[in-house]
């Protein structure tokens, strides 16, 4: 839940108001699309929802906890324990194999079965023959599958995806999106998806249209998929 959230960032020319008085309720297990023109604030809104960017004012609640009141360490633990995040540019560690990229966050969280869980999630995204390959040895689609497996491994309650198909061709992107929605359904996870694609956003339960840092419209889909 967002309550009267504003985000102002400093720039060379002075403060820039990125988000303006955003209030939004998101139900558990809901799929939510964020759409709008470039610069509308949709990626910034996703970052605030995930505690990756701290709101300048207002309140951010997730799973009954007030993210606005947490320090950075508490936010990091909350994300680690409850969230999976998928970015457009993969964010894999180049010196680690696919298996290590997925297992390492679990190890840091103290999971005793980190490598078993990582292997299982990589199998789920069809990378059983690529476990020991490094990111540079993988295609863009394969790298995004690793990122999906990494997001899935903690069994998240919240999934955040920022243009996850932006660097992929149409066919590969469609496969990634299918996996993302399957992942949300498997864990009953809330999915918040930033996209430029009206067709992709239309697969969500609701679509939030942003413009100039404000919510202009919230569209309820008649037949969510």
C-alpha atoms as a PDB file:
ATOM      1  CA  UNK A   1       0.000   0.000   0.000  1.00  0.00           C
ATOM      2  CA  UNK A   2       1.187   3.485  -0.867  1.00  0.00           C
ATOM      3  CA  UNK A   3      -0.258   6.423   1.003  1.00  0.00           C
ATOM      4  CA  UNK A   4       0.385   9.986  -0.268  1.00  0.00           C
ATOM      5  CA  UNK A   5       3.842   9.007  -1.539  1.00  0.00           C
ATOM      6  CA  UNK A   6       6.097  11.630  -3.072  1.00  0.00           C
ATOM      7  CA  UNK A   7       9.598  11.142  -4.453  1.00  0.00           C
ATOM      8  CA  UNK A   8      11.878  14.111  -5.051  1.00  0.00           C
ATOM      9  CA  UNK A   9      15.435  13.670  -6.310  1.00  0.00           C
ATOM     10  CA  UNK A  10      18.227  16.216  -6.510  1.00  0.00           C
ATOM     11  CA  UNK A  11      19.502  17.142  -9.979  1.00  0.00           C
ATOM     12  CA  UNK A  12      21.993  19.695 -11.265  1.00  0.00           C
ATOM     13  CA  UNK A  13      19.206  22.150 -12.010  1.00  0.00           C
ATOM     14  CA  UNK A  14      17.583  21.594  -8.620  1.00  0.00           C
ATOM     15  CA  UNK A  15      15.069  19.185  -7.059  1.00  0.00           C
ATOM     16  CA  UNK A  16      12.952  17.111  -9.461  1.00  0.00           C
ATOM     17  CA  UNK A  17       9.550  15.811  -8.391  1.00  0.00           C
ATOM     18  CA  UNK A  18       9.425  12.232  -9.713  1.00  0.00           C
ATOM     19  CA  UNK A  19       6.298  10.932  -7.921  1.00  0.00           C
ATOM     20  CA  UNK A  20       3.499  13.173  -6.702  1.00  0.00           C
ATOM     21  CA  UNK A  21       0.918  12.175  -4.083  1.00  0.00           C
ATOM     22  CA  UNK A  22       0.648   8.511  -5.074  1.00  0.00           C
ATOM     23  CA  UNK A  23      -1.882   6.421  -3.143  1.00  0.00           C
ATOM     24  CA  UNK A  24      -2.417   2.815  -4.217  1.00  0.00           C
ATOM     25  CA  UNK A  25      -3.678  -0.398  -2.632  1.00  0.00           C
ATOM     26  CA  UNK A  26      -2.380  -3.705  -4.013  1.00  0.00           C
ATOM     27  CA  UNK A  27      -3.973  -6.960  -2.872  1.00  0.00           C
ATOM     28  CA  UNK A  28      -1.970 -10.058  -2.039  1.00  0.00           C
ATOM     29  CA  UNK A  29      -1.702 -12.309  -5.068  1.00  0.00           C
ATOM     30  CA  UNK A  30      -2.788  -9.555  -7.460  1.00  0.00           C
ATOM     31  CA  UNK A  31      -1.027  -8.919 -10.764  1.00  0.00           C
ATOM     32  CA  UNK A  32      -0.578  -5.213 -11.442  1.00  0.00           C
ATOM     33  CA  UNK A  33       0.737  -3.565 -14.596  1.00  0.00           C
ATOM     34  CA  UNK A  34       2.398  -0.125 -14.475  1.00  0.00           C
ATOM     35  CA  UNK A  35       2.290   1.709 -17.807  1.00  0.00           C
ATOM     36  CA  UNK A  36       2.958   5.208 -19.056  1.00  0.00           C
ATOM     37  CA  UNK A  37       5.283   7.203 -21.298  1.00  0.00           C
ATOM     38  CA  UNK A  38       9.017   7.408 -20.627  1.00  0.00           C
ATOM     39  CA  UNK A  39       9.622   9.656 -17.653  1.00  0.00           C
ATOM     40  CA  UNK A  40       6.150   9.085 -16.206  1.00  0.00           C
ATOM     41  CA  UNK A  41       7.573   7.590 -13.010  1.00  0.00           C
ATOM     42  CA  UNK A  42       6.620   3.932 -13.420  1.00  0.00           C
ATOM     43  CA  UNK A  43      10.094   2.493 -12.729  1.00  0.00           C
ATOM     44  CA  UNK A  44      10.533   4.881  -9.807  1.00  0.00           C
ATOM     45  CA  UNK A  45       7.196   3.717  -8.418  1.00  0.00           C
ATOM     46  CA  UNK A  46       8.349   0.105  -8.680  1.00  0.00           C
ATOM     47  CA  UNK A  47      11.572   0.992  -6.844  1.00  0.00           C
ATOM     48  CA  UNK A  48       9.621   2.680  -4.050  1.00  0.00           C
ATOM     49  CA  UNK A  49       7.291  -0.324  -3.766  1.00  0.00           C
ATOM     50  CA  UNK A  50      10.325  -2.573  -3.332  1.00  0.00           C
ATOM     51  CA  UNK A  51      12.115  -0.343  -0.869  1.00  0.00           C
ATOM     52  CA  UNK A  52      14.910   0.139  -3.406  1.00  0.00           C
ATOM     53  CA  UNK A  53      14.212   3.875  -3.414  1.00  0.00           C
ATOM     54  CA  UNK A  54      13.090   5.673  -0.272  1.00  0.00           C
ATOM     55  CA  UNK A  55      10.030   7.889  -0.620  1.00  0.00           C
ATOM     56  CA  UNK A  56      10.579  11.548   0.227  1.00  0.00           C
ATOM     57  CA  UNK A  57       7.243  11.620   2.053  1.00  0.00           C
ATOM     58  CA  UNK A  58       4.220   9.425   2.591  1.00  0.00           C
ATOM     59  CA  UNK A  59       4.041   5.815   3.726  1.00  0.00           C
ATOM     60  CA  UNK A  60       4.907   2.524   2.021  1.00  0.00           C
ATOM     61  CA  UNK A  61       3.418  -0.649   3.522  1.00  0.00           C
ATOM     62  CA  UNK A  62       4.114  -4.218   2.382  1.00  0.00           C
ATOM     63  CA  UNK A  63       2.945  -7.460   3.984  1.00  0.00           C
ATOM     64  CA  UNK A  64       1.787  -5.477   7.006  1.00  0.00           C
ATOM     65  CA  UNK A  65       5.167  -3.843   7.547  1.00  0.00           C
ATOM     66  CA  UNK A  66       6.042  -0.167   7.216  1.00  0.00           C
ATOM     67  CA  UNK A  67       8.954   0.041   4.782  1.00  0.00           C
ATOM     68  CA  UNK A  68       9.115   3.798   5.303  1.00  0.00           C
ATOM     69  CA  UNK A  69      10.222   3.286   8.921  1.00  0.00           C
ATOM     70  CA  UNK A  70      12.930   0.687   8.174  1.00  0.00           C
ATOM     71  CA  UNK A  71      16.651   1.384   7.998  1.00  0.00           C
ATOM     72  CA  UNK A  72      18.694   0.092   5.071  1.00  0.00           C
ATOM     73  CA  UNK A  73      19.665  -3.166   6.786  1.00  0.00           C
ATOM     74  CA  UNK A  74      16.064  -3.934   7.666  1.00  0.00           C
ATOM     75  CA  UNK A  75      14.948  -3.148   4.119  1.00  0.00           C
ATOM     76  CA  UNK A  76      17.627  -5.435   2.697  1.00  0.00           C
ATOM     77  CA  UNK A  77      16.473  -8.289   4.972  1.00  0.00           C
ATOM     78  CA  UNK A  78      12.841  -7.681   4.033  1.00  0.00           C
ATOM     79  CA  UNK A  79      13.634  -7.832   0.301  1.00  0.00           C
ATOM     80  CA  UNK A  80      15.802 -10.906   0.766  1.00  0.00           C
ATOM     81  CA  UNK A  81      13.101 -12.773   2.697  1.00  0.00           C
ATOM     82  CA  UNK A  82       9.957 -11.664   0.862  1.00  0.00           C
ATOM     83  CA  UNK A  83      10.721 -10.267  -2.610  1.00  0.00           C
ATOM     84  CA  UNK A  84      11.996 -11.349  -5.981  1.00  0.00           C
ATOM     85  CA  UNK A  85      13.127  -8.657  -8.406  1.00  0.00           C
ATOM     86  CA  UNK A  86      13.723  -8.980 -12.159  1.00  0.00           C
ATOM     87  CA  UNK A  87      15.323  -6.134 -14.097  1.00  0.00           C
ATOM     88  CA  UNK A  88      15.633  -5.427 -17.807  1.00  0.00           C
ATOM     89  CA  UNK A  89      19.423  -5.752 -17.692  1.00  0.00           C
ATOM     90  CA  UNK A  90      19.606  -9.070 -15.768  1.00  0.00           C
ATOM     91  CA  UNK A  91      22.086  -7.903 -13.053  1.00  0.00           C
ATOM     92  CA  UNK A  92      23.950 -11.198 -12.905  1.00  0.00           C
ATOM     93  CA  UNK A  93      27.416 -11.430 -11.348  1.00  0.00           C
ATOM     94  CA  UNK A  94      29.757 -12.086 -14.316  1.00  0.00           C
ATOM     95  CA  UNK A  95      32.328 -14.092 -12.315  1.00  0.00           C
ATOM     96  CA  UNK A  96      29.725 -16.575 -11.056  1.00  0.00           C
ATOM     97  CA  UNK A  97      28.076 -19.469 -12.879  1.00  0.00           C
ATOM     98  CA  UNK A  98      24.330 -19.596 -13.366  1.00  0.00           C
ATOM     99  CA  UNK A  99      24.056 -21.945 -10.386  1.00  0.00           C
ATOM    100  CA  UNK A 100      26.183 -19.689  -8.190  1.00  0.00           C
ATOM    101  CA  UNK A 101      24.205 -16.584  -9.199  1.00  0.00           C
ATOM    102  CA  UNK A 102      21.012 -18.214  -7.953  1.00  0.00           C
ATOM    103  CA  UNK A 103      22.467 -19.979  -4.899  1.00  0.00           C
ATOM    104  CA  UNK A 104      24.594 -17.170  -3.456  1.00  0.00           C
ATOM    105  CA  UNK A 105      21.706 -14.946  -2.228  1.00  0.00           C
ATOM    106  CA  UNK A 106      20.203 -18.027  -0.555  1.00  0.00           C
ATOM    107  CA  UNK A 107      23.524 -18.831   1.104  1.00  0.00           C
ATOM    108  CA  UNK A 108      23.786 -15.259   2.380  1.00  0.00           C
ATOM    109  CA  UNK A 109      20.287 -15.674   3.838  1.00  0.00           C
ATOM    110  CA  UNK A 110      21.458 -18.795   5.680  1.00  0.00           C
ATOM    111  CA  UNK A 111      19.573 -21.392   3.627  1.00  0.00           C
ATOM    112  CA  UNK A 112      21.243 -24.789   4.229  1.00  0.00           C
ATOM    113  CA  UNK A 113      19.912 -26.150   0.925  1.00  0.00           C
ATOM    114  CA  UNK A 114      20.899 -23.147  -1.197  1.00  0.00           C
ATOM    115  CA  UNK A 115      22.438 -25.084  -4.082  1.00  0.00           C
ATOM    116  CA  UNK A 116      19.669 -27.685  -4.187  1.00  0.00           C
ATOM    117  CA  UNK A 117      17.013 -24.979  -4.378  1.00  0.00           C
ATOM    118  CA  UNK A 118      19.015 -23.045  -6.955  1.00  0.00           C
ATOM    119  CA  UNK A 119      19.391 -26.131  -9.127  1.00  0.00           C
ATOM    120  CA  UNK A 120      15.665 -26.876  -8.879  1.00  0.00           C
ATOM    121  CA  UNK A 121      14.697 -23.368  -9.992  1.00  0.00           C
ATOM    122  CA  UNK A 122      17.146 -23.431 -12.893  1.00  0.00           C
ATOM    123  CA  UNK A 123      15.609 -26.725 -13.992  1.00  0.00           C
ATOM    124  CA  UNK A 124      12.168 -25.093 -13.782  1.00  0.00           C
ATOM    125  CA  UNK A 125      13.245 -22.447 -16.322  1.00  0.00           C
ATOM    126  CA  UNK A 126      14.806 -25.001 -18.650  1.00  0.00           C
ATOM    127  CA  UNK A 127      18.497 -24.399 -17.959  1.00  0.00           C
ATOM    128  CA  UNK A 128      19.475 -27.879 -16.834  1.00  0.00           C
ATOM    129  CA  UNK A 129      22.373 -27.962 -19.334  1.00  0.00           C
ATOM    130  CA  UNK A 130      23.636 -24.455 -18.480  1.00  0.00           C
ATOM    131  CA  UNK A 131      24.167 -24.635 -14.711  1.00  0.00           C
ATOM    132  CA  UNK A 132      27.936 -24.225 -14.920  1.00  0.00           C
ATOM    133  CA  UNK A 133      27.975 -21.536 -17.608  1.00  0.00           C
ATOM    134  CA  UNK A 134      28.923 -17.925 -16.882  1.00  0.00           C
ATOM    135  CA  UNK A 135      26.671 -15.020 -17.943  1.00  0.00           C
ATOM    136  CA  UNK A 136      28.925 -14.162 -20.903  1.00  0.00           C
ATOM    137  CA  UNK A 137      28.371 -17.711 -22.204  1.00  0.00           C
ATOM    138  CA  UNK A 138      24.582 -17.338 -22.101  1.00  0.00           C
ATOM    139  CA  UNK A 139      22.172 -15.645 -24.493  1.00  0.00           C
ATOM    140  CA  UNK A 140      20.066 -12.720 -23.306  1.00  0.00           C
ATOM    141  CA  UNK A 141      17.060 -14.976 -22.887  1.00  0.00           C
ATOM    142  CA  UNK A 142      19.093 -17.489 -20.889  1.00  0.00           C
ATOM    143  CA  UNK A 143      20.449 -14.742 -18.647  1.00  0.00           C
ATOM    144  CA  UNK A 144      16.926 -13.531 -17.958  1.00  0.00           C
ATOM    145  CA  UNK A 145      15.929 -17.106 -17.104  1.00  0.00           C
ATOM    146  CA  UNK A 146      18.742 -17.183 -14.560  1.00  0.00           C
ATOM    147  CA  UNK A 147      17.411 -13.904 -13.149  1.00  0.00           C
ATOM    148  CA  UNK A 148      13.935 -15.450 -12.928  1.00  0.00           C
ATOM    149  CA  UNK A 149      15.324 -18.508 -11.141  1.00  0.00           C
ATOM    150  CA  UNK A 150      17.139 -16.208  -8.715  1.00  0.00           C
ATOM    151  CA  UNK A 151      13.898 -14.316  -8.051  1.00  0.00           C
ATOM    152  CA  UNK A 152      12.005 -17.595  -7.530  1.00  0.00           C
ATOM    153  CA  UNK A 153      14.492 -19.331  -5.255  1.00  0.00           C
ATOM    154  CA  UNK A 154      13.468 -17.547  -2.005  1.00  0.00           C
ATOM    155  CA  UNK A 155       9.788 -18.437  -2.705  1.00  0.00           C
ATOM    156  CA  UNK A 156       8.814 -14.746  -2.740  1.00  0.00           C
ATOM    157  CA  UNK A 157       5.532 -13.224  -1.662  1.00  0.00           C
ATOM    158  CA  UNK A 158       6.126 -10.169  -3.864  1.00  0.00           C
ATOM    159  CA  UNK A 159       7.537 -10.160  -7.412  1.00  0.00           C
ATOM    160  CA  UNK A 160       8.724  -6.927  -9.025  1.00  0.00           C
ATOM    161  CA  UNK A 161       9.621  -6.837 -12.722  1.00  0.00           C
ATOM    162  CA  UNK A 162      10.959  -3.755 -14.511  1.00  0.00           C
ATOM    163  CA  UNK A 163      10.669  -4.152 -18.307  1.00  0.00           C
ATOM    164  CA  UNK A 164      11.845  -7.791 -18.080  1.00  0.00           C
ATOM    165  CA  UNK A 165      11.548  -8.288 -21.860  1.00  0.00           C
ATOM    166  CA  UNK A 166      13.126  -4.971 -22.882  1.00  0.00           C
ATOM    167  CA  UNK A 167      16.403  -6.522 -24.076  1.00  0.00           C
ATOM    168  CA  UNK A 168      14.853  -9.615 -25.671  1.00  0.00           C
ATOM    169  CA  UNK A 169      13.312 -10.498 -29.019  1.00  0.00           C
ATOM    170  CA  UNK A 170       9.569 -11.083 -29.214  1.00  0.00           C
ATOM    171  CA  UNK A 171       9.552 -14.870 -29.002  1.00  0.00           C
ATOM    172  CA  UNK A 172      12.062 -15.010 -26.154  1.00  0.00           C
ATOM    173  CA  UNK A 173      10.257 -12.217 -24.324  1.00  0.00           C
ATOM    174  CA  UNK A 174       6.938 -14.043 -24.570  1.00  0.00           C
ATOM    175  CA  UNK A 175       8.506 -17.135 -23.010  1.00  0.00           C
ATOM    176  CA  UNK A 176       9.955 -15.063 -20.157  1.00  0.00           C
ATOM    177  CA  UNK A 177       6.591 -13.422 -19.478  1.00  0.00           C
ATOM    178  CA  UNK A 178       4.845 -16.798 -19.405  1.00  0.00           C
ATOM    179  CA  UNK A 179       7.389 -17.974 -16.824  1.00  0.00           C
ATOM    180  CA  UNK A 180       6.936 -14.800 -14.785  1.00  0.00           C
ATOM    181  CA  UNK A 181       3.159 -15.231 -14.546  1.00  0.00           C
ATOM    182  CA  UNK A 182       3.585 -18.949 -13.812  1.00  0.00           C
ATOM    183  CA  UNK A 183       5.986 -18.038 -11.018  1.00  0.00           C
ATOM    184  CA  UNK A 184       3.494 -15.566  -9.550  1.00  0.00           C
ATOM    185  CA  UNK A 185       0.755 -18.208  -9.668  1.00  0.00           C
ATOM    186  CA  UNK A 186       2.971 -20.937  -8.166  1.00  0.00           C
ATOM    187  CA  UNK A 187       3.741 -18.931  -5.036  1.00  0.00           C
ATOM    188  CA  UNK A 188       0.538 -16.882  -4.921  1.00  0.00           C
ATOM    189  CA  UNK A 189       2.857 -13.902  -5.136  1.00  0.00           C
ATOM    190  CA  UNK A 190       1.805 -10.350  -5.825  1.00  0.00           C
ATOM    191  CA  UNK A 191       3.288  -9.316  -9.196  1.00  0.00           C
ATOM    192  CA  UNK A 192       3.993  -5.704 -10.119  1.00  0.00           C
ATOM    193  CA  UNK A 193       5.117  -5.363 -13.729  1.00  0.00           C
ATOM    194  CA  UNK A 194       6.485  -2.249 -15.439  1.00  0.00           C
ATOM    195  CA  UNK A 195       6.020  -2.419 -19.197  1.00  0.00           C
ATOM    196  CA  UNK A 196       5.625  -0.286 -22.301  1.00  0.00           C
ATOM    197  CA  UNK A 197       3.399  -2.966 -23.841  1.00  0.00           C
ATOM    198  CA  UNK A 198      -0.353  -2.432 -23.522  1.00  0.00           C
ATOM    199  CA  UNK A 199      -0.873  -6.054 -24.599  1.00  0.00           C
ATOM    200  CA  UNK A 200       1.391  -7.342 -21.848  1.00  0.00           C
ATOM    201  CA  UNK A 201      -0.136  -5.051 -19.232  1.00  0.00           C
ATOM    202  CA  UNK A 202      -3.541  -6.361 -20.299  1.00  0.00           C
ATOM    203  CA  UNK A 203      -2.632  -9.776 -18.887  1.00  0.00           C
ATOM    204  CA  UNK A 204      -2.626  -8.261 -15.387  1.00  0.00           C
ATOM    205  CA  UNK A 205      -5.615  -8.002 -13.069  1.00  0.00           C
ATOM    206  CA  UNK A 206      -5.323  -4.215 -13.027  1.00  0.00           C
ATOM    207  CA  UNK A 207      -3.373  -1.623 -14.997  1.00  0.00           C
ATOM    208  CA  UNK A 208      -2.165   1.623 -13.442  1.00  0.00           C
ATOM    209  CA  UNK A 209      -1.615   4.405 -15.987  1.00  0.00           C
ATOM    210  CA  UNK A 210       0.986   6.971 -14.930  1.00  0.00           C
ATOM    211  CA  UNK A 211       1.767  10.376 -16.424  1.00  0.00           C
ATOM    212  CA  UNK A 212       3.993  13.126 -15.064  1.00  0.00           C
ATOM    213  CA  UNK A 213       4.508  11.298 -11.783  1.00  0.00           C
ATOM    214  CA  UNK A 214       0.810  10.883 -11.014  1.00  0.00           C
ATOM    215  CA  UNK A 215      -1.741   8.094 -11.351  1.00  0.00           C
ATOM    216  CA  UNK A 216      -4.055   9.119 -14.185  1.00  0.00           C
ATOM    217  CA  UNK A 217      -6.199   5.996 -14.375  1.00  0.00           C
ATOM    218  CA  UNK A 218      -6.538   2.550 -12.796  1.00  0.00           C
ATOM    219  CA  UNK A 219      -8.045   0.058 -15.234  1.00  0.00           C
ATOM    220  CA  UNK A 220      -9.660  -3.125 -13.970  1.00  0.00           C
ATOM    221  CA  UNK A 221      -9.286  -5.916 -16.505  1.00  0.00           C
ATOM    222  CA  UNK A 222     -12.524  -7.741 -17.258  1.00  0.00           C
ATOM    223  CA  UNK A 223     -10.820 -11.093 -17.855  1.00  0.00           C
ATOM    224  CA  UNK A 224      -7.359 -11.270 -16.252  1.00  0.00           C
ATOM    225  CA  UNK A 225      -5.121 -14.089 -17.442  1.00  0.00           C
END
